[in-house]
Amino acid sequence: MIWLAIAAIAFVGSHFLLSHPVRQPLVRAVGDSPFRGIYALVALVTFAAMIWVYHSLGRQVPLWTPGDAVWLIASLLMWLASILFVGSFIRNPAFPGAPDPSGAPRAIFTITRHPMNWSFAIWAIVHAAVVATPKALILDGAILFLAVVGSMLQDRKKAAQMGPAWNEWTAHTAFIPFARGARYPGEIALIGGTIFFFAVTWVHPIPAGFWRWIG
């Protein structure tokens, strides 16, 4: 468990270091494209280490047993997470090389300005709730912390870079999903996210999603 905690700290800490304090010095030193390669490699290695330690711990006794009500709520949340995840690939201003956001947000960004990070955060919450083992709480806690705090730091960086233009963007979108009321995610996100949700839960190692009650 100590090694899992160390791997989780390395995974989260390296993301924050490479995304913020050491990003510009490294970009100046090696260039933008090589930096992206370094970033991806470090993320992959630290994530793989965390997953390897997680699985090496073997089976653990759950701290609680989730009932059907928990599984139903978890399934609905994962459906939402899938919609956010698929929608995040459509004109996402957070992607490398994308232009800064301007004007009124559309589609998934009317729900939240951090759809991908919130999809990871929701997955972490759901996974922790239904798996409920000590090792799951560490792994999922790391992903949840990275997703939420990382989004906060993204907001701070964009505000410093864009000034009033960032305030104009954030006036029309929310940090927390649906904090500004119900919004339509768009056809691609809704349909694609639904297909993605049913496909992933179908191939899940244990019956998950609505497949738990189907067939």
Protein backbone atom coordinates (compact mmCIF):
# COMPACT_ATOMS: atom_id res chain seq x y z
CA MET A 1 0.00 0.00 0.00
CA ILE A 2 2.92 2.34 0.70
CA TRP A 3 4.30 1.70 -2.78
CA LEU A 4 0.88 2.36 -4.28
CA ALA A 5 0.75 5.68 -2.44
CA ILE A 6 4.26 6.55 -3.72
CA ALA A 7 3.29 5.65 -7.28
CA ALA A 8 0.10 7.73 -6.99
CA ILE A 9 2.06 10.72 -5.70
CA ALA A 10 4.54 10.35 -8.57
CA PHE A 11 1.69 10.18 -11.10
CA VAL A 12 -0.11 13.25 -9.77
CA GLY A 13 3.02 15.23 -8.90
CA SER A 14 4.68 14.74 -12.29
CA HIS A 15 1.51 15.95 -14.02
CA PHE A 16 1.45 19.14 -11.98
CA LEU A 17 5.19 19.79 -12.36
CA LEU A 18 5.20 19.29 -16.12
CA SER A 19 1.95 21.19 -16.65
CA HIS A 20 2.94 24.28 -14.69
CA PRO A 21 6.28 25.20 -13.00
CA VAL A 22 8.70 23.35 -15.30
CA ARG A 23 6.68 23.46 -18.52
CA GLN A 24 8.03 26.70 -19.99
CA PRO A 25 11.69 26.08 -19.06
CA LEU A 26 11.54 22.63 -20.68
CA VAL A 27 9.76 23.94 -23.78
CA ARG A 28 12.47 26.59 -24.18
CA ALA A 29 15.18 23.97 -23.69
CA VAL A 30 13.95 21.15 -25.94
CA GLY A 31 11.11 22.61 -28.02
CA ASP A 32 7.35 22.14 -27.93
CA SER A 33 7.04 18.79 -29.74
CA PRO A 34 9.82 17.02 -27.77
CA PHE A 35 8.29 18.38 -24.56
CA ARG A 36 4.94 16.81 -25.43
CA GLY A 37 6.76 13.53 -25.96
CA ILE A 38 8.45 13.81 -22.55
CA TYR A 39 5.14 14.69 -20.92
CA ALA A 40 3.38 11.71 -22.50
CA LEU A 41 6.22 9.34 -21.59
CA VAL A 42 6.34 10.43 -17.94
CA ALA A 43 2.55 10.21 -17.68
CA LEU A 44 2.55 6.71 -19.21
CA VAL A 45 5.37 5.41 -17.01
CA THR A 46 3.96 6.78 -13.75
CA PHE A 47 0.43 5.61 -14.58
CA ALA A 48 1.70 2.14 -15.54
CA ALA A 49 3.64 1.95 -12.28
CA MET A 50 0.53 2.86 -10.30
CA ILE A 51 -1.60 0.26 -12.11
CA TRP A 52 1.11 -2.42 -11.73
CA VAL A 53 1.36 -1.90 -7.98
CA TYR A 54 -2.44 -1.80 -7.74
CA HIS A 55 -2.79 -5.22 -9.39
CA SER A 56 0.19 -6.69 -7.54
CA LEU A 57 -1.65 -6.12 -4.25
CA GLY A 58 -4.13 -8.83 -5.24
CA ARG A 59 -7.66 -9.14 -3.90
CA GLN A 60 -8.68 -7.07 -0.90
CA VAL A 61 -11.75 -7.20 1.31
CA PRO A 62 -14.11 -4.33 0.41
CA LEU A 63 -14.76 -1.78 3.13
CA TRP A 64 -18.47 -1.89 2.26
CA THR A 65 -20.76 -3.79 -0.10
CA PRO A 66 -22.55 -1.64 -2.68
CA GLY A 67 -26.21 -2.52 -3.18
CA ASP A 68 -28.35 -2.15 -6.29
CA ALA A 69 -29.11 1.49 -5.46
CA VAL A 70 -25.41 2.34 -5.48
CA TRP A 71 -24.89 0.44 -8.73
CA LEU A 72 -27.81 2.26 -10.36
CA ILE A 73 -26.51 5.68 -9.36
CA ALA A 74 -23.01 4.64 -10.42
CA SER A 75 -24.32 3.53 -13.83
CA LEU A 76 -26.14 6.81 -14.42
CA LEU A 77 -23.05 8.77 -13.41
CA MET A 78 -20.85 6.72 -15.75
CA TRP A 79 -23.30 7.38 -18.57
CA LEU A 80 -22.85 11.09 -17.90
CA ALA A 81 -19.07 10.65 -17.69
CA SER A 82 -19.08 8.90 -21.08
CA ILE A 83 -21.02 11.76 -22.66
CA LEU A 84 -18.59 14.29 -21.18
CA PHE A 85 -15.60 12.24 -22.35
CA VAL A 86 -16.75 11.88 -25.96
CA GLY A 87 -17.89 15.51 -26.11
CA SER A 88 -14.51 16.71 -24.83
CA PHE A 89 -12.86 15.78 -28.13
CA ILE A 90 -14.95 18.30 -30.06
CA ARG A 91 -13.25 21.72 -30.31
CA ASN A 92 -11.62 21.45 -26.90
CA PRO A 93 -9.63 24.64 -26.18
CA ALA A 94 -7.52 22.76 -23.62
CA PHE A 95 -5.92 20.53 -26.29
CA PRO A 96 -2.35 21.38 -27.37
CA GLY A 97 -2.31 23.82 -30.26
CA ALA A 98 -6.00 24.71 -29.94
CA PRO A 99 -6.92 28.41 -30.06
CA ASP A 100 -7.99 30.14 -26.88
CA PRO A 101 -11.75 29.97 -26.23
CA SER A 102 -13.77 32.91 -27.45
CA GLY A 103 -17.42 33.83 -27.73
CA ALA A 104 -20.16 31.72 -26.22
CA PRO A 105 -19.37 28.04 -25.57
CA ARG A 106 -21.26 25.36 -27.47
CA ALA A 107 -22.27 21.72 -27.01
CA ILE A 108 -20.57 19.96 -24.10
CA PHE A 109 -18.83 23.17 -22.98
CA THR A 110 -22.17 24.69 -22.01
CA ILE A 111 -22.27 22.01 -19.29
CA THR A 112 -18.72 22.40 -18.03
CA ARG A 113 -15.50 23.89 -19.35
CA HIS A 114 -13.60 20.79 -18.19
CA PRO A 115 -15.57 17.86 -19.67
CA MET A 116 -12.65 15.42 -19.94
CA ASN A 117 -11.35 16.05 -16.44
CA TRP A 118 -14.83 15.70 -14.99
CA SER A 119 -15.32 12.42 -16.85
CA PHE A 120 -12.19 11.13 -15.08
CA ALA A 121 -13.34 12.56 -11.74
CA ILE A 122 -16.75 10.90 -12.03
CA TRP A 123 -15.13 7.60 -13.01
CA ALA A 124 -12.89 7.79 -9.94
CA ILE A 125 -15.82 8.46 -7.62
CA VAL A 126 -17.88 5.65 -9.15
CA HIS A 127 -15.00 3.17 -9.12
CA ALA A 128 -14.24 3.91 -5.48
CA ALA A 129 -17.89 3.53 -4.53
CA VAL A 130 -18.46 0.15 -6.19
CA VAL A 131 -15.03 -1.46 -5.66
CA ALA A 132 -14.63 -0.10 -2.13
CA THR A 133 -11.22 -1.60 -1.37
CA PRO A 134 -8.38 0.32 0.34
CA LYS A 135 -6.21 0.16 -2.78
CA ALA A 136 -9.11 1.47 -4.91
CA LEU A 137 -9.51 4.46 -2.62
CA ILE A 138 -5.83 5.37 -3.12
CA LEU A 139 -5.86 4.93 -6.90
CA ASP A 140 -9.21 6.62 -7.40
CA GLY A 141 -8.36 9.37 -4.92
CA ALA A 142 -5.25 10.19 -6.95
CA ILE A 143 -7.21 10.40 -10.21
CA LEU A 144 -9.96 12.46 -8.58
CA PHE A 145 -7.44 14.87 -7.05
CA LEU A 146 -5.59 15.26 -10.34
CA ALA A 147 -8.79 15.88 -12.31
CA VAL A 148 -10.30 18.46 -9.96
CA VAL A 149 -7.18 20.32 -8.85
CA GLY A 150 -5.77 20.11 -12.36
CA SER A 151 -8.90 21.84 -13.67
CA MET A 152 -8.51 24.58 -11.06
CA LEU A 153 -4.90 25.15 -12.12
CA GLN A 154 -5.93 25.20 -15.78
CA ASP A 155 -8.44 27.93 -14.98
CA ARG A 156 -5.80 29.95 -13.14
CA LYS A 157 -3.32 29.62 -16.02
CA LYS A 158 -5.90 30.59 -18.65
CA ALA A 159 -7.04 33.58 -16.60
CA ALA A 160 -3.45 34.83 -16.41
CA GLN A 161 -2.92 34.28 -20.15
CA MET A 162 -6.21 35.64 -21.49
CA GLY A 163 -7.33 38.23 -18.94
CA PRO A 164 -10.82 39.68 -19.62
CA ALA A 165 -11.40 37.29 -22.53
CA TRP A 166 -11.25 34.39 -20.09
CA ASN A 167 -13.81 36.06 -17.84
CA GLU A 168 -16.12 36.41 -20.83
CA TRP A 169 -15.78 32.68 -21.58
CA THR A 170 -16.34 31.55 -18.00
CA ALA A 171 -19.42 33.75 -17.70
CA HIS A 172 -21.18 31.34 -20.07
CA THR A 173 -19.91 28.00 -18.78
CA ALA A 174 -19.47 26.29 -15.43
CA PHE A 175 -16.64 24.64 -13.54
CA ILE A 176 -18.86 21.96 -11.98
CA PRO A 177 -21.11 20.20 -14.53
CA PHE A 178 -24.62 21.69 -14.72
CA ALA A 179 -23.80 24.34 -12.11
CA ARG A 180 -25.43 26.88 -14.45
CA GLY A 181 -28.48 24.69 -15.02
CA ALA A 182 -29.43 21.95 -17.45
CA ARG A 183 -27.75 22.14 -20.84
CA TYR A 184 -27.86 20.02 -24.00
CA PRO A 185 -24.48 18.34 -24.75
CA GLY A 186 -25.02 18.09 -28.50
CA GLU A 187 -25.89 15.10 -30.69
CA ILE A 188 -22.34 13.79 -31.13
CA ALA A 189 -21.62 13.77 -27.40
CA LEU A 190 -25.00 12.32 -26.45
CA ILE A 191 -25.14 9.56 -29.07
CA GLY A 192 -21.42 8.83 -29.13
CA GLY A 193 -21.19 8.89 -25.35
CA THR A 194 -24.14 6.52 -25.01
CA ILE A 195 -22.62 4.06 -27.47
CA PHE A 196 -19.26 4.34 -25.70
CA PHE A 197 -20.89 3.74 -22.31
CA PHE A 198 -22.73 0.58 -23.37
CA ALA A 199 -19.67 -0.75 -25.24
CA VAL A 200 -17.26 -0.24 -22.34
CA THR A 201 -19.62 -1.65 -19.73
CA TRP A 202 -20.29 -4.64 -21.99
CA VAL A 203 -16.59 -5.62 -22.09
CA HIS A 204 -16.02 -4.76 -18.42
CA PRO A 205 -14.41 -7.63 -16.41
CA ILE A 206 -17.46 -7.82 -14.16
CA PRO A 207 -21.08 -6.99 -15.10
CA ALA A 208 -21.28 -3.20 -15.02
CA GLY A 209 -23.62 -0.44 -16.05
CA PHE A 210 -27.13 -1.42 -17.04
CA TRP A 211 -25.85 -4.81 -18.21
CA ARG A 212 -26.04 -5.89 -14.56
CA TRP A 213 -29.82 -6.04 -14.95
CA ILE A 214 -30.02 -7.07 -18.62
CA GLY A 215 -29.99 -10.72 -19.60
